[in-house]
Amino acid sequence: YERAVASDPVHLDAHINLGRLLHETGRLADAERVYRNAIAVCGSDPVLLYNLGVLLEDMDRKNEAMEAYERALHRDPRLADCHYNLALLCEELNKPKQAIRHMAQYRRLAGTKPD
């Protein structure tokens, strides 16, 4: 993936896959660098922002994770997993109204069939 990013810096999937690989192998700071660089180069893709939120949550940077999730949902409000993660995070941060709203949205979206 590093070669793909180097040869085509605007290849969004390569950035996402490289960031995910680094995250899964415990190279969290490197994964964050890849995701933030991808946002700067490719724009605020909702999946990219969602993955950044997951990473930041794993790094115990809850408020930044919440911001990334909210930015992802602003771009694509149909990201069910993002609503789910945000619901759990809001519950953890003692924001019950937001938690209920995002969990309800998750349930609505998770129950729908793709077109």
N, C-alpha and C. Protein backbone atom coordinates (compact mmCIF):
# COMPACT_ATOMS: atom_id res chain seq x y z
N TYR A 1 0.82 -1.21 0.00
CA TYR A 1 0.00 0.00 0.00
C TYR A 1 0.86 1.26 0.00
N GLU A 2 2.02 1.17 0.65
CA GLU A 2 2.89 2.35 0.67
C GLU A 2 3.33 2.72 -0.74
N ARG A 3 3.64 1.71 -1.56
CA ARG A 3 4.02 1.98 -2.95
C ARG A 3 2.86 2.59 -3.72
N ALA A 4 1.66 2.08 -3.47
CA ALA A 4 0.48 2.61 -4.17
C ALA A 4 0.26 4.07 -3.81
N VAL A 5 0.42 4.41 -2.54
CA VAL A 5 0.26 5.80 -2.10
C VAL A 5 1.35 6.67 -2.71
N ALA A 6 2.58 6.14 -2.74
CA ALA A 6 3.70 6.92 -3.29
C ALA A 6 3.53 7.15 -4.80
N SER A 7 3.04 6.14 -5.50
CA SER A 7 2.90 6.28 -6.95
C SER A 7 1.66 7.07 -7.36
N ASP A 8 0.65 7.05 -6.51
CA ASP A 8 -0.60 7.78 -6.81
C ASP A 8 -1.12 8.40 -5.52
N PRO A 9 -0.60 9.58 -5.14
CA PRO A 9 -0.94 10.18 -3.84
C PRO A 9 -2.42 10.47 -3.62
N VAL A 10 -3.22 10.50 -4.67
CA VAL A 10 -4.65 10.76 -4.49
C VAL A 10 -5.48 9.48 -4.57
N HIS A 11 -4.84 8.32 -4.48
CA HIS A 11 -5.55 7.03 -4.51
C HIS A 11 -6.12 6.77 -3.11
N LEU A 12 -7.36 7.14 -2.94
CA LEU A 12 -8.01 7.10 -1.62
C LEU A 12 -7.97 5.72 -0.99
N ASP A 13 -8.33 4.68 -1.75
CA ASP A 13 -8.36 3.33 -1.19
C ASP A 13 -7.00 2.89 -0.68
N ALA A 14 -5.93 3.28 -1.35
CA ALA A 14 -4.59 2.92 -0.89
C ALA A 14 -4.31 3.56 0.47
N HIS A 15 -4.70 4.82 0.64
CA HIS A 15 -4.53 5.50 1.94
C HIS A 15 -5.34 4.78 3.02
N ILE A 16 -6.59 4.48 2.71
CA ILE A 16 -7.46 3.83 3.69
C ILE A 16 -6.89 2.47 4.08
N ASN A 17 -6.47 1.68 3.10
CA ASN A 17 -5.95 0.35 3.39
C ASN A 17 -4.63 0.41 4.14
N LEU A 18 -3.76 1.35 3.78
CA LEU A 18 -2.49 1.50 4.50
C LEU A 18 -2.75 1.93 5.94
N GLY A 19 -3.63 2.89 6.14
CA GLY A 19 -3.96 3.32 7.50
C GLY A 19 -4.54 2.19 8.33
N ARG A 20 -5.42 1.42 7.73
CA ARG A 20 -6.04 0.29 8.44
C ARG A 20 -4.99 -0.76 8.82
N LEU A 21 -4.08 -1.06 7.89
CA LEU A 21 -3.01 -2.03 8.15
C LEU A 21 -2.12 -1.55 9.29
N LEU A 22 -1.72 -0.30 9.25
CA LEU A 22 -0.89 0.25 10.32
C LEU A 22 -1.62 0.22 11.65
N HIS A 23 -2.89 0.55 11.64
CA HIS A 23 -3.71 0.53 12.86
C HIS A 23 -3.75 -0.89 13.42
N GLU A 24 -4.05 -1.85 12.56
CA GLU A 24 -4.19 -3.24 13.01
C GLU A 24 -2.88 -3.83 13.53
N THR A 25 -1.75 -3.31 13.06
CA THR A 25 -0.45 -3.81 13.52
C THR A 25 0.13 -2.99 14.66
N GLY A 26 -0.67 -2.08 15.21
CA GLY A 26 -0.27 -1.34 16.39
C GLY A 26 0.56 -0.10 16.13
N ARG A 27 0.72 0.27 14.88
CA ARG A 27 1.49 1.47 14.55
C ARG A 27 0.52 2.66 14.46
N LEU A 28 0.00 3.02 15.62
CA LEU A 28 -1.09 3.99 15.69
C LEU A 28 -0.69 5.38 15.21
N ALA A 29 0.47 5.85 15.62
CA ALA A 29 0.91 7.19 15.20
C ALA A 29 1.11 7.23 13.68
N ASP A 30 1.64 6.16 13.12
CA ASP A 30 1.82 6.10 11.67
C ASP A 30 0.47 6.07 10.96
N ALA A 31 -0.47 5.32 11.52
CA ALA A 31 -1.82 5.26 10.93
C ALA A 31 -2.47 6.64 10.95
N GLU A 32 -2.32 7.35 12.06
CA GLU A 32 -2.89 8.70 12.13
C GLU A 32 -2.26 9.61 11.08
N ARG A 33 -0.95 9.52 10.93
CA ARG A 33 -0.26 10.34 9.93
C ARG A 33 -0.80 10.04 8.53
N VAL A 34 -1.00 8.76 8.21
CA VAL A 34 -1.52 8.38 6.90
C VAL A 34 -2.93 8.93 6.70
N TYR A 35 -3.79 8.76 7.70
CA TYR A 35 -5.17 9.25 7.57
C TYR A 35 -5.21 10.78 7.42
N ARG A 36 -4.45 11.48 8.23
CA ARG A 36 -4.48 12.95 8.15
C ARG A 36 -3.89 13.45 6.83
N ASN A 37 -2.85 12.79 6.35
CA ASN A 37 -2.29 13.14 5.05
C ASN A 37 -3.32 12.88 3.95
N ALA A 38 -4.02 11.77 4.05
CA ALA A 38 -5.04 11.43 3.05
C ALA A 38 -6.15 12.48 3.04
N ILE A 39 -6.55 12.94 4.20
CA ILE A 39 -7.58 13.99 4.28
C ILE A 39 -7.08 15.25 3.59
N ALA A 40 -5.82 15.59 3.82
CA ALA A 40 -5.25 16.78 3.20
C ALA A 40 -5.16 16.65 1.68
N VAL A 41 -4.83 15.46 1.21
CA VAL A 41 -4.61 15.24 -0.22
C VAL A 41 -5.89 14.89 -0.97
N CYS A 42 -6.70 14.02 -0.36
CA CYS A 42 -7.88 13.47 -1.04
C CYS A 42 -9.19 14.13 -0.64
N GLY A 43 -9.18 14.86 0.45
CA GLY A 43 -10.42 15.47 0.93
C GLY A 43 -11.03 14.65 2.06
N SER A 44 -12.12 15.15 2.57
CA SER A 44 -12.78 14.57 3.75
C SER A 44 -13.74 13.46 3.35
N ASP A 45 -13.20 12.33 2.94
CA ASP A 45 -14.02 11.17 2.61
C ASP A 45 -14.64 10.61 3.89
N PRO A 46 -15.92 10.23 3.88
CA PRO A 46 -16.57 9.76 5.10
C PRO A 46 -15.95 8.49 5.68
N VAL A 47 -15.54 7.55 4.84
CA VAL A 47 -14.93 6.32 5.35
C VAL A 47 -13.57 6.64 5.97
N LEU A 48 -12.84 7.52 5.36
CA LEU A 48 -11.56 7.95 5.89
C LEU A 48 -11.74 8.61 7.26
N LEU A 49 -12.71 9.48 7.38
CA LEU A 49 -13.00 10.14 8.66
C LEU A 49 -13.47 9.14 9.71
N TYR A 50 -14.29 8.18 9.29
CA TYR A 50 -14.75 7.13 10.21
C TYR A 50 -13.55 6.34 10.73
N ASN A 51 -12.66 5.92 9.82
CA ASN A 51 -11.49 5.15 10.25
C ASN A 51 -10.60 5.97 11.18
N LEU A 52 -10.47 7.26 10.90
CA LEU A 52 -9.71 8.13 11.80
C LEU A 52 -10.37 8.16 13.17
N GLY A 53 -11.69 8.23 13.21
CA GLY A 53 -12.40 8.21 14.49
C GLY A 53 -12.15 6.94 15.28
N VAL A 54 -12.19 5.80 14.60
CA VAL A 54 -11.91 4.52 15.27
C VAL A 54 -10.49 4.53 15.84
N LEU A 55 -9.55 4.99 15.05
CA LEU A 55 -8.16 5.07 15.49
C LEU A 55 -8.02 5.98 16.70
N LEU A 56 -8.58 7.17 16.63
CA LEU A 56 -8.47 8.12 17.74
C LEU A 56 -9.13 7.57 19.00
N GLU A 57 -10.22 6.86 18.84
CA GLU A 57 -10.87 6.24 20.00
C GLU A 57 -9.94 5.20 20.62
N ASP A 58 -9.28 4.40 19.78
CA ASP A 58 -8.33 3.41 20.28
C ASP A 58 -7.12 4.06 20.95
N MET A 59 -6.82 5.29 20.56
CA MET A 59 -5.71 6.04 21.16
C MET A 59 -6.18 6.80 22.41
N ASP A 60 -7.42 6.57 22.82
CA ASP A 60 -8.03 7.21 23.99
C ASP A 60 -8.13 8.72 23.83
N ARG A 61 -8.35 9.16 22.61
CA ARG A 61 -8.56 10.58 22.32
C ARG A 61 -10.03 10.74 21.92
N LYS A 62 -10.87 10.60 22.93
CA LYS A 62 -12.32 10.48 22.74
C LYS A 62 -12.95 11.70 22.07
N ASN A 63 -12.59 12.88 22.50
CA ASN A 63 -13.20 14.08 21.91
C ASN A 63 -12.83 14.25 20.44
N GLU A 64 -11.59 13.94 20.12
CA GLU A 64 -11.18 14.00 18.71
C GLU A 64 -11.88 12.93 17.90
N ALA A 65 -12.07 11.75 18.50
CA ALA A 65 -12.79 10.67 17.82
C ALA A 65 -14.22 11.10 17.54
N MET A 66 -14.86 11.73 18.52
CA MET A 66 -16.23 12.20 18.33
C MET A 66 -16.30 13.20 17.17
N GLU A 67 -15.34 14.10 17.12
CA GLU A 67 -15.31 15.08 16.03
C GLU A 67 -15.15 14.40 14.67
N ALA A 68 -14.28 13.41 14.59
CA ALA A 68 -14.08 12.69 13.32
C ALA A 68 -15.35 11.95 12.91
N TYR A 69 -16.01 11.29 13.87
CA TYR A 69 -17.27 10.60 13.57
C TYR A 69 -18.33 11.59 13.07
N GLU A 70 -18.43 12.72 13.76
CA GLU A 70 -19.43 13.72 13.35
C GLU A 70 -19.14 14.27 11.96
N ARG A 71 -17.87 14.48 11.65
CA ARG A 71 -17.51 14.94 10.30
C ARG A 71 -17.85 13.88 9.26
N ALA A 72 -17.62 12.61 9.60
CA ALA A 72 -17.96 11.52 8.67
C ALA A 72 -19.46 11.50 8.41
N LEU A 73 -20.25 11.65 9.47
CA LEU A 73 -21.71 11.62 9.32
C LEU A 73 -22.22 12.86 8.59
N HIS A 74 -21.53 13.96 8.72
CA HIS A 74 -21.91 15.16 7.97
C HIS A 74 -21.76 14.88 6.47
N ARG A 75 -20.73 14.14 6.11
CA ARG A 75 -20.48 13.79 4.71
C ARG A 75 -21.42 12.69 4.22
N ASP A 76 -21.70 11.71 5.09
CA ASP A 76 -22.59 10.61 4.71
C ASP A 76 -23.37 10.15 5.94
N PRO A 77 -24.58 10.65 6.13
CA PRO A 77 -25.37 10.30 7.32
C PRO A 77 -25.87 8.86 7.32
N ARG A 78 -25.57 8.10 6.26
CA ARG A 78 -26.03 6.71 6.19
C ARG A 78 -25.00 5.71 6.71
N LEU A 79 -23.90 6.17 7.29
CA LEU A 79 -22.88 5.26 7.80
C LEU A 79 -23.34 4.67 9.14
N ALA A 80 -23.97 3.52 9.06
CA ALA A 80 -24.57 2.90 10.25
C ALA A 80 -23.53 2.64 11.33
N ASP A 81 -22.38 2.06 10.96
CA ASP A 81 -21.36 1.76 11.96
C ASP A 81 -20.85 3.02 12.66
N CYS A 82 -20.82 4.10 11.94
CA CYS A 82 -20.38 5.37 12.53
C CYS A 82 -21.39 5.83 13.59
N HIS A 83 -22.68 5.71 13.29
CA HIS A 83 -23.71 6.04 14.28
C HIS A 83 -23.56 5.15 15.51
N TYR A 84 -23.30 3.87 15.29
CA TYR A 84 -23.16 2.93 16.40
C TYR A 84 -21.98 3.33 17.30
N ASN A 85 -20.82 3.53 16.68
CA ASN A 85 -19.64 3.92 17.46
C ASN A 85 -19.86 5.24 18.19
N LEU A 86 -20.51 6.17 17.52
CA LEU A 86 -20.76 7.47 18.13
C LEU A 86 -21.75 7.33 19.29
N ALA A 87 -22.73 6.46 19.15
CA ALA A 87 -23.68 6.22 20.25
C ALA A 87 -22.95 5.71 21.49
N LEU A 88 -22.07 4.73 21.30
CA LEU A 88 -21.33 4.18 22.43
C LEU A 88 -20.39 5.22 23.04
N LEU A 89 -19.76 6.00 22.19
CA LEU A 89 -18.85 7.03 22.68
C LEU A 89 -19.61 8.11 23.44
N CYS A 90 -20.77 8.51 22.94
CA CYS A 90 -21.59 9.52 23.64
C CYS A 90 -22.03 9.00 25.00
N GLU A 91 -22.38 7.72 25.05
CA GLU A 91 -22.76 7.13 26.33
C GLU A 91 -21.57 7.18 27.30
N GLU A 92 -20.40 6.84 26.81
CA GLU A 92 -19.19 6.86 27.63
C GLU A 92 -18.86 8.28 28.11
N LEU A 93 -19.15 9.27 27.27
CA LEU A 93 -18.85 10.66 27.61
C LEU A 93 -20.01 11.36 28.32
N ASN A 94 -20.99 10.57 28.76
CA ASN A 94 -22.14 11.07 29.51
C ASN A 94 -22.96 12.08 28.71
N LYS A 95 -23.25 11.71 27.47
CA LYS A 95 -24.11 12.51 26.60
C LYS A 95 -25.27 11.62 26.17
N PRO A 96 -26.20 11.35 27.12
CA PRO A 96 -27.23 10.34 26.86
C PRO A 96 -28.17 10.67 25.71
N LYS A 97 -28.54 11.93 25.55
CA LYS A 97 -29.47 12.28 24.46
C LYS A 97 -28.84 12.00 23.10
N GLN A 98 -27.58 12.37 22.94
CA GLN A 98 -26.89 12.09 21.69
C GLN A 98 -26.73 10.59 21.49
N ALA A 99 -26.43 9.88 22.56
CA ALA A 99 -26.26 8.43 22.47
C ALA A 99 -27.55 7.77 21.99
N ILE A 100 -28.67 8.17 22.55
CA ILE A 100 -29.97 7.60 22.15
C ILE A 100 -30.26 7.92 20.69
N ARG A 101 -30.01 9.15 20.30
CA ARG A 101 -30.28 9.56 18.91
C ARG A 101 -29.44 8.76 17.92
N HIS A 102 -28.16 8.59 18.21
CA HIS A 102 -27.30 7.87 17.27
C HIS A 102 -27.60 6.37 17.28
N MET A 103 -27.97 5.82 18.42
CA MET A 103 -28.33 4.40 18.45
C MET A 103 -29.61 4.16 17.67
N ALA A 104 -30.57 5.06 17.79
CA ALA A 104 -31.81 4.93 17.02
C ALA A 104 -31.53 5.02 15.52
N GLN A 105 -30.66 5.93 15.15
CA GLN A 105 -30.30 6.06 13.73
C GLN A 105 -29.57 4.81 13.25
N TYR A 106 -28.70 4.28 14.07
CA TYR A 106 -28.00 3.03 13.72
C TYR A 106 -29.01 1.91 13.48
N ARG A 107 -29.96 1.77 14.38
CA ARG A 107 -30.96 0.70 14.24
C ARG A 107 -31.79 0.87 12.97
N ARG A 108 -32.15 2.10 12.66
CA ARG A 108 -32.90 2.35 11.42
C ARG A 108 -32.08 1.96 10.20
N LEU A 109 -30.84 2.38 10.19
CA LEU A 109 -29.99 2.10 9.03
C LEU A 109 -29.61 0.63 8.93
N ALA A 110 -29.33 0.01 10.04
CA ALA A 110 -28.93 -1.40 10.03
C ALA A 110 -30.07 -2.31 9.60
N GLY A 111 -31.29 -1.83 9.80
CA GLY A 111 -32.46 -2.63 9.43
C GLY A 111 -32.87 -2.47 7.98
N THR A 112 -32.24 -1.54 7.26
CA THR A 112 -32.62 -1.31 5.87
C THR A 112 -31.82 -2.21 4.95
N LYS A 113 -32.42 -2.53 3.84
CA LYS A 113 -31.76 -3.35 2.82
C LYS A 113 -31.17 -2.43 1.76
N PRO A 114 -29.98 -2.76 1.26
CA PRO A 114 -29.42 -1.92 0.19
C PRO A 114 -30.26 -2.01 -1.07
N ASP A 115 -30.25 -0.92 -1.84
CA ASP A 115 -31.04 -0.87 -3.08
C ASP A 115 -30.52 -1.84 -4.11
